PDB file of N, CA and C in Angstrom:
ATOM      1  N   MET A   1       9.247  18.368  18.994  1.00  0.00           N
ATOM      2  CA  MET A   1       8.185  17.584  19.536  1.00  0.00           C
ATOM      3  C   MET A   1       8.792  16.510  20.425  1.00  0.00           C
ATOM      4  N   GLY A   2       8.290  16.266  21.615  1.00  0.00           N
ATOM      5  CA  GLY A   2       8.748  15.367  22.586  1.00  0.00           C
ATOM      6  C   GLY A   2       8.405  13.970  22.105  1.00  0.00           C
ATOM      7  N   SER A   3       8.786  12.953  22.920  1.00  0.00           N
ATOM      8  CA  SER A   3       8.391  11.524  22.550  1.00  0.00           C
ATOM      9  C   SER A   3       6.966  11.290  22.650  1.00  0.00           C
ATOM     10  N   GLN A   4       6.246  11.992  23.531  1.00  0.00           N
ATOM     11  CA  GLN A   4       4.813  11.793  23.655  1.00  0.00           C
ATOM     12  C   GLN A   4       4.043  12.369  22.453  1.00  0.00           C
ATOM     13  N   GLY A   5       4.499  13.444  21.961  1.00  0.00           N
ATOM     14  CA  GLY A   5       3.922  14.121  20.745  1.00  0.00           C
ATOM     15  C   GLY A   5       4.108  13.225  19.571  1.00  0.00           C
ATOM     16  N   THR A   6       5.414  12.639  19.524  1.00  0.00           N
ATOM     17  CA  THR A   6       5.663  11.804  18.375  1.00  0.00           C
ATOM     18  C   THR A   6       4.837  10.549  18.397  1.00  0.00           C
ATOM     19  N   ILE A   7       4.650   9.992  19.527  1.00  0.00           N
ATOM     20  CA  ILE A   7       3.822   8.853  19.758  1.00  0.00           C
ATOM     21  C   ILE A   7       2.356   9.124  19.324  1.00  0.00           C
ATOM     22  N   ARG A   8       1.898  10.286  19.786  1.00  0.00           N
ATOM     23  CA  ARG A   8       0.468  10.601  19.360  1.00  0.00           C
ATOM     24  C   ARG A   8       0.330  10.777  17.887  1.00  0.00           C
ATOM     25  N   VAL A   9       1.298  11.302  17.206  1.00  0.00           N
ATOM     26  CA  VAL A   9       1.224  11.564  15.772  1.00  0.00           C
ATOM     27  C   VAL A   9       1.268  10.230  15.133  1.00  0.00           C
ATOM     28  N   CYS A  10       2.163   9.299  15.602  1.00  0.00           N
ATOM     29  CA  CYS A  10       2.193   7.952  15.022  1.00  0.00           C
ATOM     30  C   CYS A  10       0.849   7.231  15.146  1.00  0.00           C
ATOM     31  N   VAL A  11       0.239   7.316  16.274  1.00  0.00           N
ATOM     32  CA  VAL A  11      -0.986   6.661  16.601  1.00  0.00           C
ATOM     33  C   VAL A  11      -2.073   7.310  15.657  1.00  0.00           C
ATOM     34  N   ALA A  12      -2.090   8.566  15.520  1.00  0.00           N
ATOM     35  CA  ALA A  12      -3.097   9.285  14.707  1.00  0.00           C
ATOM     36  C   ALA A  12      -2.890   8.781  13.221  1.00  0.00           C
ATOM     37  N   ILE A  13      -1.728   8.806  12.704  1.00  0.00           N
ATOM     38  CA  ILE A  13      -1.431   8.358  11.335  1.00  0.00           C
ATOM     39  C   ILE A  13      -1.844   6.842  11.162  1.00  0.00           C
ATOM     40  N   THR A  14      -1.488   6.032  12.135  1.00  0.00           N
ATOM     41  CA  THR A  14      -1.866   4.662  12.026  1.00  0.00           C
ATOM     42  C   THR A  14      -3.367   4.445  11.982  1.00  0.00           C
ATOM     43  N   ALA A  15      -4.058   5.203  12.852  1.00  0.00           N
ATOM     44  CA  ALA A  15      -5.619   4.993  12.867  1.00  0.00           C
ATOM     45  C   ALA A  15      -6.192   5.539  11.553  1.00  0.00           C
ATOM     46  N   LEU A  16      -5.670   6.656  10.963  1.00  0.00           N
ATOM     47  CA  LEU A  16      -6.102   7.136   9.664  1.00  0.00           C
ATOM     48  C   LEU A  16      -5.915   6.183   8.565  1.00  0.00           C
ATOM     49  N   VAL A  17      -4.720   5.524   8.498  1.00  0.00           N
ATOM     50  CA  VAL A  17      -4.451   4.616   7.466  1.00  0.00           C
ATOM     51  C   VAL A  17      -5.292   3.339   7.664  1.00  0.00           C
ATOM     52  N   HIS A  18      -5.607   2.933   8.874  1.00  0.00           N
ATOM     53  CA  HIS A  18      -6.384   1.765   9.064  1.00  0.00           C
ATOM     54  C   HIS A  18      -7.933   2.080   8.622  1.00  0.00           C
ATOM     55  N   VAL A  19      -8.355   3.225   8.920  1.00  0.00           N
ATOM     56  CA  VAL A  19      -9.701   3.511   8.438  1.00  0.00           C
ATOM     57  C   VAL A  19      -9.820   3.653   6.968  1.00  0.00           C
ATOM     58  N   ILE A  20      -8.834   4.305   6.310  1.00  0.00           N
ATOM     59  CA  ILE A  20      -8.779   4.376   4.873  1.00  0.00           C
ATOM     60  C   ILE A  20      -8.694   2.979   4.205  1.00  0.00           C
ATOM     61  N   THR A  21      -7.804   2.125   4.763  1.00  0.00           N
ATOM     62  CA  THR A  21      -7.704   0.699   4.230  1.00  0.00           C
ATOM     63  C   THR A  21      -9.019  -0.001   4.408  1.00  0.00           C
ATOM     64  N   TYR A  22      -9.607   0.136   5.565  1.00  0.00           N
ATOM     65  CA  TYR A  22     -10.903  -0.525   5.815  1.00  0.00           C
ATOM     66  C   TYR A  22     -11.999  -0.129   4.803  1.00  0.00           C
ATOM     67  N   LEU A  23     -12.080   1.186   4.655  1.00  0.00           N
ATOM     68  CA  LEU A  23     -13.088   1.752   3.678  1.00  0.00           C
ATOM     69  C   LEU A  23     -12.817   1.313   2.263  1.00  0.00           C
ATOM     70  N   LEU A  24     -11.568   1.236   1.843  1.00  0.00           N
ATOM     71  CA  LEU A  24     -11.139   0.823   0.543  1.00  0.00           C
ATOM     72  C   LEU A  24     -11.490  -0.602   0.290  1.00  0.00           C
ATOM     73  N   ASN A  25     -11.144  -1.434   1.255  1.00  0.00           N
ATOM     74  CA  ASN A  25     -11.509  -2.938   1.097  1.00  0.00           C
ATOM     75  C   ASN A  25     -12.934  -3.163   1.221  1.00  0.00           C
ATOM     76  N   THR A  26     -13.803  -2.426   1.776  1.00  0.00           N
ATOM     77  CA  THR A  26     -15.139  -2.695   1.868  1.00  0.00           C
ATOM     78  C   THR A  26     -15.985  -2.078   0.760  1.00  0.00           C
ATOM     79  N   GLN A  27     -15.617  -0.897   0.392  1.00  0.00           N
ATOM     80  CA  GLN A  27     -16.318  -0.135  -0.650  1.00  0.00           C
ATOM     81  C   GLN A  27     -15.988  -0.388  -2.098  1.00  0.00           C
ATOM     82  N   LEU A  28     -14.770  -0.719  -2.316  1.00  0.00           N
ATOM     83  CA  LEU A  28     -14.233  -0.951  -3.679  1.00  0.00           C
ATOM     84  C   LEU A  28     -15.069  -2.084  -4.398  1.00  0.00           C
ATOM     85  N   PRO A  29     -15.162  -3.224  -3.684  1.00  0.00           N
ATOM     86  CA  PRO A  29     -15.908  -4.274  -4.379  1.00  0.00           C
ATOM     87  C   PRO A  29     -17.327  -3.889  -4.762  1.00  0.00           C
ATOM     88  N   LEU A  30     -18.001  -3.095  -3.907  1.00  0.00           N
ATOM     89  CA  LEU A  30     -19.263  -2.602  -4.137  1.00  0.00           C
ATOM     90  C   LEU A  30     -19.237  -1.709  -5.384  1.00  0.00           C
ATOM     91  N   HIS A  31     -18.246  -0.921  -5.557  1.00  0.00           N
ATOM     92  CA  HIS A  31     -18.043   0.063  -6.644  1.00  0.00           C
ATOM     93  C   HIS A  31     -17.867  -0.811  -7.967  1.00  0.00           C
ATOM     94  N   ILE A  32     -17.035  -1.867  -7.950  1.00  0.00           N
ATOM     95  CA  ILE A  32     -16.787  -2.664  -9.080  1.00  0.00           C
ATOM     96  C   ILE A  32     -18.172  -3.294  -9.536  1.00  0.00           C
ATOM     97  N   VAL A  33     -19.017  -3.843  -8.602  1.00  0.00           N
ATOM     98  CA  VAL A  33     -20.270  -4.335  -9.026  1.00  0.00           C
ATOM     99  C   VAL A  33     -21.152  -3.243  -9.633  1.00  0.00           C
ATOM    100  N   ALA A  34     -21.120  -2.063  -9.004  1.00  0.00           N
ATOM    101  CA  ALA A  34     -21.923  -0.951  -9.619  1.00  0.00           C
ATOM    102  C   ALA A  34     -21.528  -0.564 -11.080  1.00  0.00           C
ATOM    103  N   LEU A  35     -20.141  -0.851 -11.346  1.00  0.00           N
ATOM    104  CA  LEU A  35     -19.669  -0.588 -12.664  1.00  0.00           C
ATOM    105  C   LEU A  35     -19.973  -1.638 -13.657  1.00  0.00           C
ATOM    106  N   GLY A  36     -20.636  -2.711 -13.200  1.00  0.00           N
ATOM    107  CA  GLY A  36     -20.940  -3.914 -14.018  1.00  0.00           C
ATOM    108  C   GLY A  36     -19.965  -5.012 -13.941  1.00  0.00           C
ATOM    109  N   GLY A  37     -19.007  -4.908 -12.906  1.00  0.00           N
ATOM    110  CA  GLY A  37     -17.972  -5.962 -12.788  1.00  0.00           C
ATOM    111  C   GLY A  37     -18.582  -7.301 -12.198  1.00  0.00           C
ATOM    112  N   SER A  38     -17.859  -8.365 -12.393  1.00  0.00           N
ATOM    113  CA  SER A  38     -18.294  -9.632 -11.913  1.00  0.00           C
ATOM    114  C   SER A  38     -17.574  -9.950 -10.646  1.00  0.00           C
ATOM    115  N   HIS A  39     -17.987 -11.116 -10.047  1.00  0.00           N
ATOM    116  CA  HIS A  39     -17.409 -11.544  -8.841  1.00  0.00           C
ATOM    117  C   HIS A  39     -16.017 -11.979  -9.087  1.00  0.00           C
ATOM    118  N   ALA A  40     -15.685 -12.512 -10.189  1.00  0.00           N
ATOM    119  CA  ALA A  40     -14.279 -12.836 -10.522  1.00  0.00           C
ATOM    120  C   ALA A  40     -13.425 -11.556 -10.640  1.00  0.00           C
ATOM    121  N   GLN A  41     -13.914 -10.500 -11.092  1.00  0.00           N
ATOM    122  CA  GLN A  41     -13.178  -9.233 -11.107  1.00  0.00           C
ATOM    123  C   GLN A  41     -12.911  -8.732  -9.734  1.00  0.00           C
ATOM    124  N   ILE A  42     -13.891  -8.967  -8.868  1.00  0.00           N
ATOM    125  CA  ILE A  42     -13.610  -8.560  -7.403  1.00  0.00           C
ATOM    126  C   ILE A  42     -12.525  -9.400  -6.884  1.00  0.00           C
ATOM    127  N   GLY A  43     -12.510 -10.696  -7.123  1.00  0.00           N
ATOM    128  CA  GLY A  43     -11.423 -11.526  -6.688  1.00  0.00           C
ATOM    129  C   GLY A  43     -10.076 -11.058  -7.202  1.00  0.00           C
ATOM    130  N   TRP A  44      -9.992 -10.739  -8.471  1.00  0.00           N
ATOM    131  CA  TRP A  44      -8.799 -10.264  -9.160  1.00  0.00           C
ATOM    132  C   TRP A  44      -8.366  -8.954  -8.524  1.00  0.00           C
ATOM    133  N   LEU A  45      -9.286  -8.158  -8.114  1.00  0.00           N
ATOM    134  CA  LEU A  45      -9.009  -6.884  -7.488  1.00  0.00           C
ATOM    135  C   LEU A  45      -7.922  -6.968  -6.367  1.00  0.00           C
ATOM    136  N   PHE A  46      -8.214  -7.963  -5.458  1.00  0.00           N
ATOM    137  CA  PHE A  46      -7.390  -8.096  -4.349  1.00  0.00           C
ATOM    138  C   PHE A  46      -6.215  -9.064  -4.556  1.00  0.00           C
ATOM    139  N   ALA A  47      -6.503 -10.047  -5.460  1.00  0.00           N
ATOM    140  CA  ALA A  47      -5.427 -11.024  -5.701  1.00  0.00           C
ATOM    141  C   ALA A  47      -4.229 -10.318  -6.408  1.00  0.00           C
ATOM    142  N   VAL A  48      -4.456  -9.374  -7.292  1.00  0.00           N
ATOM    143  CA  VAL A  48      -3.461  -8.609  -7.949  1.00  0.00           C
ATOM    144  C   VAL A  48      -2.564  -7.862  -6.956  1.00  0.00           C
ATOM    145  N   ALA A  49      -3.158  -7.112  -6.088  1.00  0.00           N
ATOM    146  CA  ALA A  49      -2.438  -6.356  -5.102  1.00  0.00           C
ATOM    147  C   ALA A  49      -1.632  -7.251  -4.169  1.00  0.00           C
ATOM    148  N   THR A  50      -2.237  -8.335  -3.695  1.00  0.00           N
ATOM    149  CA  THR A  50      -1.544  -9.282  -2.857  1.00  0.00           C
ATOM    150  C   THR A  50      -0.366  -9.981  -3.579  1.00  0.00           C
ATOM    151  N   GLY A  51      -0.661 -10.471  -4.765  1.00  0.00           N
ATOM    152  CA  GLY A  51       0.340 -11.158  -5.592  1.00  0.00           C
ATOM    153  C   GLY A  51       1.570 -10.285  -5.933  1.00  0.00           C
ATOM    154  N   VAL A  52       1.259  -9.081  -6.339  1.00  0.00           N
ATOM    155  CA  VAL A  52       2.392  -8.099  -6.672  1.00  0.00           C
ATOM    156  C   VAL A  52       3.258  -7.942  -5.452  1.00  0.00           C
ATOM    157  N   ALA A  53       2.673  -7.570  -4.357  1.00  0.00           N
ATOM    158  CA  ALA A  53       3.347  -7.344  -3.049  1.00  0.00           C
ATOM    159  C   ALA A  53       4.209  -8.597  -2.652  1.00  0.00           C
ATOM    160  N   MET A  54       3.610  -9.747  -2.786  1.00  0.00           N
ATOM    161  CA  MET A  54       4.253 -10.977  -2.408  1.00  0.00           C
ATOM    162  C   MET A  54       5.518 -11.286  -3.216  1.00  0.00           C
ATOM    163  N   VAL A  55       5.319 -11.026  -4.526  1.00  0.00           N
ATOM    164  CA  VAL A  55       6.510 -11.265  -5.487  1.00  0.00           C
ATOM    165  C   VAL A  55       7.685 -10.219  -5.235  1.00  0.00           C
ATOM    166  N   LEU A  56       7.266  -8.993  -4.928  1.00  0.00           N
ATOM    167  CA  LEU A  56       8.294  -7.916  -4.773  1.00  0.00           C
ATOM    168  C   LEU A  56       9.087  -8.007  -3.444  1.00  0.00           C
ATOM    169  N   ARG A  57       8.370  -8.437  -2.368  1.00  0.00           N
ATOM    170  CA  ARG A  57       9.044  -8.309  -1.034  1.00  0.00           C
ATOM    171  C   ARG A  57      10.433  -8.865  -0.942  1.00  0.00           C
ATOM    172  N   PRO A  58      10.711 -10.065  -1.451  1.00  0.00           N
ATOM    173  CA  PRO A  58      12.145 -10.549  -1.263  1.00  0.00           C
ATOM    174  C   PRO A  58      13.109  -9.550  -1.964  1.00  0.00           C
ATOM    175  N   GLN A  59      12.790  -8.996  -3.138  1.00  0.00           N
ATOM    176  CA  GLN A  59      13.650  -8.053  -3.775  1.00  0.00           C
ATOM    177  C   GLN A  59      13.832  -6.744  -2.947  1.00  0.00           C
ATOM    178  N   VAL A  60      12.745  -6.268  -2.371  1.00  0.00           N
ATOM    179  CA  VAL A  60      12.778  -5.123  -1.534  1.00  0.00           C
ATOM    180  C   VAL A  60      13.706  -5.200  -0.419  1.00  0.00           C
ATOM    181  N   GLY A  61      13.758  -6.345   0.193  1.00  0.00           N
ATOM    182  CA  GLY A  61      14.711  -6.550   1.242  1.00  0.00           C
ATOM    183  C   GLY A  61      16.183  -6.327   0.872  1.00  0.00           C
ATOM    184  N   GLY A  62      16.465  -6.846  -0.276  1.00  0.00           N
ATOM    185  CA  GLY A  62      17.806  -6.684  -0.902  1.00  0.00           C
ATOM    186  C   GLY A  62      18.026  -5.166  -1.272  1.00  0.00           C
ATOM    187  N   TRP A  63      17.068  -4.549  -1.835  1.00  0.00           N
ATOM    188  CA  TRP A  63      17.180  -3.078  -2.131  1.00  0.00           C
ATOM    189  C   TRP A  63      17.384  -2.295  -0.878  1.00  0.00           C
ATOM    190  N   THR A  64      16.700  -2.688   0.152  1.00  0.00           N
ATOM    191  CA  THR A  64      16.854  -1.856   1.327  1.00  0.00           C
ATOM    192  C   THR A  64      18.300  -2.105   1.953  1.00  0.00           C
ATOM    193  N   ASP A  65      18.819  -3.268   1.880  1.00  0.00           N
ATOM    194  CA  ASP A  65      20.135  -3.460   2.299  1.00  0.00           C
ATOM    195  C   ASP A  65      21.212  -2.751   1.465  1.00  0.00           C
ATOM    196  N   ARG A  66      20.942  -2.690   0.126  1.00  0.00           N
ATOM    197  CA  ARG A  66      21.885  -2.055  -0.810  1.00  0.00           C
ATOM    198  C   ARG A  66      21.763  -0.605  -0.793  1.00  0.00           C
ATOM    199  N   TYR A  67      20.597  -0.015  -0.794  1.00  0.00           N
ATOM    200  CA  TYR A  67      20.437   1.345  -1.036  1.00  0.00           C
ATOM    201  C   TYR A  67      19.989   2.123   0.233  1.00  0.00           C
ATOM    202  N   GLY A  68      19.439   1.502   1.242  1.00  0.00           N
ATOM    203  CA  GLY A  68      18.978   2.101   2.430  1.00  0.00           C
ATOM    204  C   GLY A  68      17.484   2.301   2.489  1.00  0.00           C
ATOM    205  N   GLY A  69      16.928   2.351   3.659  1.00  0.00           N
ATOM    206  CA  GLY A  69      15.491   2.412   3.770  1.00  0.00           C
ATOM    207  C   GLY A  69      14.801   3.536   3.157  1.00  0.00           C
ATOM    208  N   ARG A  70      15.361   4.686   3.331  1.00  0.00           N
ATOM    209  CA  ARG A  70      14.732   5.961   2.824  1.00  0.00           C
ATOM    210  C   ARG A  70      14.740   5.956   1.328  1.00  0.00           C
ATOM    211  N   ALA A  71      15.760   5.487   0.700  1.00  0.00           N
ATOM    212  CA  ALA A  71      15.821   5.383  -0.739  1.00  0.00           C
ATOM    213  C   ALA A  71      14.841   4.449  -1.391  1.00  0.00           C
ATOM    214  N   VAL A  72      14.373   3.455  -0.601  1.00  0.00           N
ATOM    215  CA  VAL A  72      13.328   2.549  -1.130  1.00  0.00           C
ATOM    216  C   VAL A  72      11.959   3.025  -0.735  1.00  0.00           C
ATOM    217  N   MET A  73      11.799   3.605   0.444  1.00  0.00           N
ATOM    218  CA  MET A  73      10.498   4.106   0.939  1.00  0.00           C
ATOM    219  C   MET A  73       9.969   5.285   0.071  1.00  0.00           C
ATOM    220  N   LEU A  74      10.786   6.201  -0.347  1.00  0.00           N
ATOM    221  CA  LEU A  74      10.416   7.338  -1.048  1.00  0.00           C
ATOM    222  C   LEU A  74       9.699   7.035  -2.390  1.00  0.00           C
ATOM    223  N   PRO A  75      10.283   6.161  -3.206  1.00  0.00           N
ATOM    224  CA  PRO A  75       9.592   5.751  -4.447  1.00  0.00           C
ATOM    225  C   PRO A  75       8.229   5.080  -4.124  1.00  0.00           C
ATOM    226  N   GLY A  76       8.204   4.240  -3.022  1.00  0.00           N
ATOM    227  CA  GLY A  76       6.925   3.513  -2.613  1.00  0.00           C
ATOM    228  C   GLY A  76       5.915   4.609  -2.238  1.00  0.00           C
ATOM    229  N   ALA A  77       6.267   5.603  -1.549  1.00  0.00           N
ATOM    230  CA  ALA A  77       5.299   6.688  -1.217  1.00  0.00           C
ATOM    231  C   ALA A  77       4.804   7.407  -2.448  1.00  0.00           C
ATOM    232  N   GLY A  78       5.750   7.614  -3.417  1.00  0.00           N
ATOM    233  CA  GLY A  78       5.330   8.167  -4.626  1.00  0.00           C
ATOM    234  C   GLY A  78       4.334   7.306  -5.443  1.00  0.00           C
ATOM    235  N   VAL A  79       4.604   6.027  -5.550  1.00  0.00           N
ATOM    236  CA  VAL A  79       3.768   5.139  -6.254  1.00  0.00           C
ATOM    237  C   VAL A  79       2.339   5.165  -5.524  1.00  0.00           C
ATOM    238  N   LEU A  80       2.379   5.199  -4.267  1.00  0.00           N
ATOM    239  CA  LEU A  80       1.138   5.162  -3.412  1.00  0.00           C
ATOM    240  C   LEU A  80       0.329   6.404  -3.774  1.00  0.00           C
ATOM    241  N   VAL A  81       0.808   7.564  -3.729  1.00  0.00           N
ATOM    242  CA  VAL A  81       0.153   8.761  -4.058  1.00  0.00           C
ATOM    243  C   VAL A  81      -0.385   8.803  -5.356  1.00  0.00           C
ATOM    244  N   VAL A  82       0.473   8.476  -6.383  1.00  0.00           N
ATOM    245  CA  VAL A  82      -0.011   8.395  -7.830  1.00  0.00           C
ATOM    246  C   VAL A  82      -1.173   7.397  -7.953  1.00  0.00           C
ATOM    247  N   THR A  83      -1.053   6.284  -7.363  1.00  0.00           N
ATOM    248  CA  THR A  83      -2.068   5.295  -7.508  1.00  0.00           C
ATOM    249  C   THR A  83      -3.384   5.706  -6.874  1.00  0.00           C
ATOM    250  N   ILE A  84      -3.302   6.277  -5.713  1.00  0.00           N
ATOM    251  CA  ILE A  84      -4.544   6.793  -5.069  1.00  0.00           C
ATOM    252  C   ILE A  84      -5.161   7.857  -5.887  1.00  0.00           C
ATOM    253  N   LEU A  85      -4.437   8.741  -6.421  1.00  0.00           N
ATOM    254  CA  LEU A  85      -4.966   9.827  -7.300  1.00  0.00           C
ATOM    255  C   LEU A  85      -5.556   9.226  -8.559  1.00  0.00           C
ATOM    256  N   ALA A  86      -4.964   8.246  -9.098  1.00  0.00           N
ATOM    257  CA  ALA A  86      -5.422   7.579 -10.326  1.00  0.00           C
ATOM    258  C   ALA A  86      -6.681   6.779 -10.076  1.00  0.00           C
ATOM    259  N   LEU A  87      -6.910   6.332  -8.897  1.00  0.00           N
ATOM    260  CA  LEU A  87      -8.207   5.614  -8.509  1.00  0.00           C
ATOM    261  C   LEU A  87      -9.403   6.486  -8.817  1.00  0.00           C
ATOM    262  N   ASN A  88      -9.145   7.865  -8.628  1.00  0.00           N
ATOM    263  CA  ASN A  88     -10.311   8.743  -8.881  1.00  0.00           C
ATOM    264  C   ASN A  88     -10.602   8.805 -10.344  1.00  0.00           C
ATOM    265  N   LEU A  89      -9.821   8.440 -11.227  1.00  0.00           N
ATOM    266  CA  LEU A  89     -10.011   8.593 -12.649  1.00  0.00           C
ATOM    267  C   LEU A  89     -10.494   7.222 -13.243  1.00  0.00           C
ATOM    268  N   ALA A  90     -10.349   6.188 -12.591  1.00  0.00           N
ATOM    269  CA  ALA A  90     -10.644   4.841 -13.024  1.00  0.00           C
ATOM    270  C   ALA A  90     -12.190   4.771 -13.284  1.00  0.00           C
ATOM    271  N   ALA A  91     -12.492   4.185 -14.475  1.00  0.00           N
ATOM    272  CA  ALA A  91     -13.921   4.091 -14.789  1.00  0.00           C
ATOM    273  C   ALA A  91     -14.505   2.710 -15.185  1.00  0.00           C
ATOM    274  N   THR A  92     -13.558   1.819 -15.207  1.00  0.00           N
ATOM    275  CA  THR A  92     -13.911   0.386 -15.511  1.00  0.00           C
ATOM    276  C   THR A  92     -13.327  -0.507 -14.458  1.00  0.00           C
ATOM    277  N   PRO A  93     -13.887  -1.696 -14.344  1.00  0.00           N
ATOM    278  CA  PRO A  93     -13.334  -2.639 -13.348  1.00  0.00           C
ATOM    279  C   PRO A  93     -11.874  -2.968 -13.721  1.00  0.00           C
ATOM    280  N   LEU A  94     -11.570  -3.175 -15.051  1.00  0.00           N
ATOM    281  CA  LEU A  94     -10.230  -3.447 -15.328  1.00  0.00           C
ATOM    282  C   LEU A  94      -9.249  -2.426 -14.965  1.00  0.00           C
ATOM    283  N   ALA A  95      -9.577  -1.200 -15.050  1.00  0.00           N
ATOM    284  CA  ALA A  95      -8.756  -0.025 -14.615  1.00  0.00           C
ATOM    285  C   ALA A  95      -8.410  -0.156 -13.154  1.00  0.00           C
ATOM    286  N   PHE A  96      -9.486  -0.429 -12.373  1.00  0.00           N
ATOM    287  CA  PHE A  96      -9.273  -0.651 -10.906  1.00  0.00           C
ATOM    288  C   PHE A  96      -8.282  -1.747 -10.684  1.00  0.00           C
ATOM    289  N   ILE A  97      -8.446  -2.930 -11.376  1.00  0.00           N
ATOM    290  CA  ILE A  97      -7.582  -4.059 -11.152  1.00  0.00           C
ATOM    291  C   ILE A  97      -6.125  -3.694 -11.461  1.00  0.00           C
ATOM    292  N   VAL A  98      -5.940  -3.010 -12.583  1.00  0.00           N
ATOM    293  CA  VAL A  98      -4.563  -2.508 -12.922  1.00  0.00           C
ATOM    294  C   VAL A  98      -4.020  -1.628 -11.851  1.00  0.00           C
ATOM    295  N   LEU A  99      -4.819  -0.743 -11.373  1.00  0.00           N
ATOM    296  CA  LEU A  99      -4.307   0.225 -10.369  1.00  0.00           C
ATOM    297  C   LEU A  99      -3.998  -0.430  -9.008  1.00  0.00           C
ATOM    298  N   MET A 100      -4.624  -1.618  -8.741  1.00  0.00           N
ATOM    299  CA  MET A 100      -4.461  -2.342  -7.563  1.00  0.00           C
ATOM    300  C   MET A 100      -3.039  -2.860  -7.589  1.00  0.00           C
ATOM    301  N   ALA A 101      -2.426  -3.114  -8.720  1.00  0.00           N
ATOM    302  CA  ALA A 101      -0.942  -3.522  -8.889  1.00  0.00           C
ATOM    303  C   ALA A 101      -0.135  -2.444  -8.299  1.00  0.00           C
ATOM    304  N   GLY A 102      -0.487  -1.187  -8.585  1.00  0.00           N
ATOM    305  CA  GLY A 102       0.275  -0.060  -8.010  1.00  0.00           C
ATOM    306  C   GLY A 102       0.220  -0.050  -6.524  1.00  0.00           C
ATOM    307  N   LEU A 103      -0.928  -0.358  -5.970  1.00  0.00           N
ATOM    308  CA  LEU A 103      -1.077  -0.425  -4.504  1.00  0.00           C
ATOM    309  C   LEU A 103      -0.210  -1.609  -3.958  1.00  0.00           C
ATOM    310  N   GLY A 104      -0.170  -2.716  -4.729  1.00  0.00           N
ATOM    311  CA  GLY A 104       0.730  -3.774  -4.318  1.00  0.00           C
ATOM    312  C   GLY A 104       2.200  -3.404  -4.265  1.00  0.00           C
ATOM    313  N   ILE A 105       2.639  -2.704  -5.329  1.00  0.00           N
ATOM    314  CA  ILE A 105       3.932  -2.144  -5.393  1.00  0.00           C
ATOM    315  C   ILE A 105       4.265  -1.234  -4.212  1.00  0.00           C
ATOM    316  N   ALA A 106       3.336  -0.283  -3.876  1.00  0.00           N
ATOM    317  CA  ALA A 106       3.471   0.659  -2.838  1.00  0.00           C
ATOM    318  C   ALA A 106       3.550  -0.106  -1.429  1.00  0.00           C
ATOM    319  N   ASN A 107       2.670  -1.061  -1.315  1.00  0.00           N
ATOM    320  CA  ASN A 107       2.655  -1.915  -0.118  1.00  0.00           C
ATOM    321  C   ASN A 107       3.962  -2.640   0.131  1.00  0.00           C
ATOM    322  N   ALA A 108       4.602  -3.204  -0.952  1.00  0.00           N
ATOM    323  CA  ALA A 108       5.841  -3.982  -0.742  1.00  0.00           C
ATOM    324  C   ALA A 108       6.904  -3.033  -0.435  1.00  0.00           C
ATOM    325  N   LEU A 109       6.963  -1.817  -1.119  1.00  0.00           N
ATOM    326  CA  LEU A 109       8.077  -0.943  -0.833  1.00  0.00           C
ATOM    327  C   LEU A 109       7.930  -0.144   0.478  1.00  0.00           C
ATOM    328  N   LEU A 110       6.788   0.051   0.901  1.00  0.00           N
ATOM    329  CA  LEU A 110       6.633   0.865   2.185  1.00  0.00           C
ATOM    330  C   LEU A 110       6.620  -0.081   3.378  1.00  0.00           C
ATOM    331  N   SER A 111       5.754  -1.160   3.425  1.00  0.00           N
ATOM    332  CA  SER A 111       5.568  -1.877   4.710  1.00  0.00           C
ATOM    333  C   SER A 111       6.802  -2.792   4.918  1.00  0.00           C
ATOM    334  N   THR A 112       7.391  -3.382   3.835  1.00  0.00           N
ATOM    335  CA  THR A 112       8.575  -4.193   4.070  1.00  0.00           C
ATOM    336  C   THR A 112       9.749  -3.398   4.526  1.00  0.00           C
ATOM    337  N   THR A 113       9.928  -2.252   3.864  1.00  0.00           N
ATOM    338  CA  THR A 113      11.106  -1.354   4.250  1.00  0.00           C
ATOM    339  C   THR A 113      10.809  -0.804   5.655  1.00  0.00           C
ATOM    340  N   GLY A 114       9.592  -0.373   5.949  1.00  0.00           N
ATOM    341  CA  GLY A 114       9.284   0.177   7.262  1.00  0.00           C
ATOM    342  C   GLY A 114       9.591  -0.789   8.319  1.00  0.00           C
ATOM    343  N   SER A 115       9.309  -2.057   8.167  1.00  0.00           N
ATOM    344  CA  SER A 115       9.651  -3.103   9.120  1.00  0.00           C
ATOM    345  C   SER A 115      11.091  -3.340   9.373  1.00  0.00           C
ATOM    346  N   ILE A 116      11.849  -3.194   8.278  1.00  0.00           N
ATOM    347  CA  ILE A 116      13.285  -3.394   8.334  1.00  0.00           C
ATOM    348  C   ILE A 116      13.878  -2.245   9.057  1.00  0.00           C
ATOM    349  N   VAL A 117      13.416  -1.019   8.771  1.00  0.00           N
ATOM    350  CA  VAL A 117      13.988   0.197   9.369  1.00  0.00           C
ATOM    351  C   VAL A 117      13.673   0.248  10.843  1.00  0.00           C
ATOM    352  N   VAL A 118      12.454  -0.168  11.180  1.00  0.00           N
ATOM    353  CA  VAL A 118      12.085  -0.239  12.605  1.00  0.00           C
ATOM    354  C   VAL A 118      12.969  -1.297  13.393  1.00  0.00           C
ATOM    355  N   ALA A 119      13.092  -2.402  12.778  1.00  0.00           N
ATOM    356  CA  ALA A 119      13.928  -3.460  13.387  1.00  0.00           C
ATOM    357  C   ALA A 119      15.359  -3.049  13.579  1.00  0.00           C
ATOM    358  N   GLY A 120      15.880  -2.317  12.624  1.00  0.00           N
ATOM    359  CA  GLY A 120      17.251  -1.861  12.714  1.00  0.00           C
ATOM    360  C   GLY A 120      17.452  -0.677  13.771  1.00  0.00           C
ATOM    361  N   GLU A 121      16.430   0.023  13.916  1.00  0.00           N
ATOM    362  CA  GLU A 121      16.486   1.176  14.900  1.00  0.00           C
ATOM    363  C   GLU A 121      16.135   0.835  16.353  1.00  0.00           C
ATOM    364  N   SER A 122      15.472  -0.284  16.542  1.00  0.00           N
ATOM    365  CA  SER A 122      15.029  -0.624  17.839  1.00  0.00           C
ATOM    366  C   SER A 122      16.114  -1.198  18.649  1.00  0.00           C
ATOM    367  N   PRO A 123      16.095  -0.856  19.977  1.00  0.00           N
ATOM    368  CA  PRO A 123      17.191  -1.345  20.794  1.00  0.00           C
ATOM    369  C   PRO A 123      17.100  -2.831  20.957  1.00  0.00           C
ATOM    370  N   ALA A 124      18.271  -3.543  20.942  1.00  0.00           N
ATOM    371  CA  ALA A 124      18.329  -4.952  21.015  1.00  0.00           C
ATOM    372  C   ALA A 124      17.822  -5.553  22.357  1.00  0.00           C
TER     373      ALA A 124
END
């Protein structure tokens, strides 16, 4: 695949991830309310994911330096897939809040490492 094809694939994947994230962030709070959740639980829903990612990011930078980007991104992708599949099984607001910690872990492992890898591969 040439560089144009690679760019198109990257743009398509980015668009898909954006749409999925947008839908998750707008529909999940409504689902929590439908399950009988409170406004506080909706706040915790996103606070947990953000907090976990924020705490892990400094360590992820060190892990990327020590083990390499691929070795850090692969477990992150695994956590992301498992968490997304588990979201289908969650039946209580608390279960969703716990699973959002998994999304925070995946976010820290994938986005941080991805930025480091891109910065390292980009021409100076």
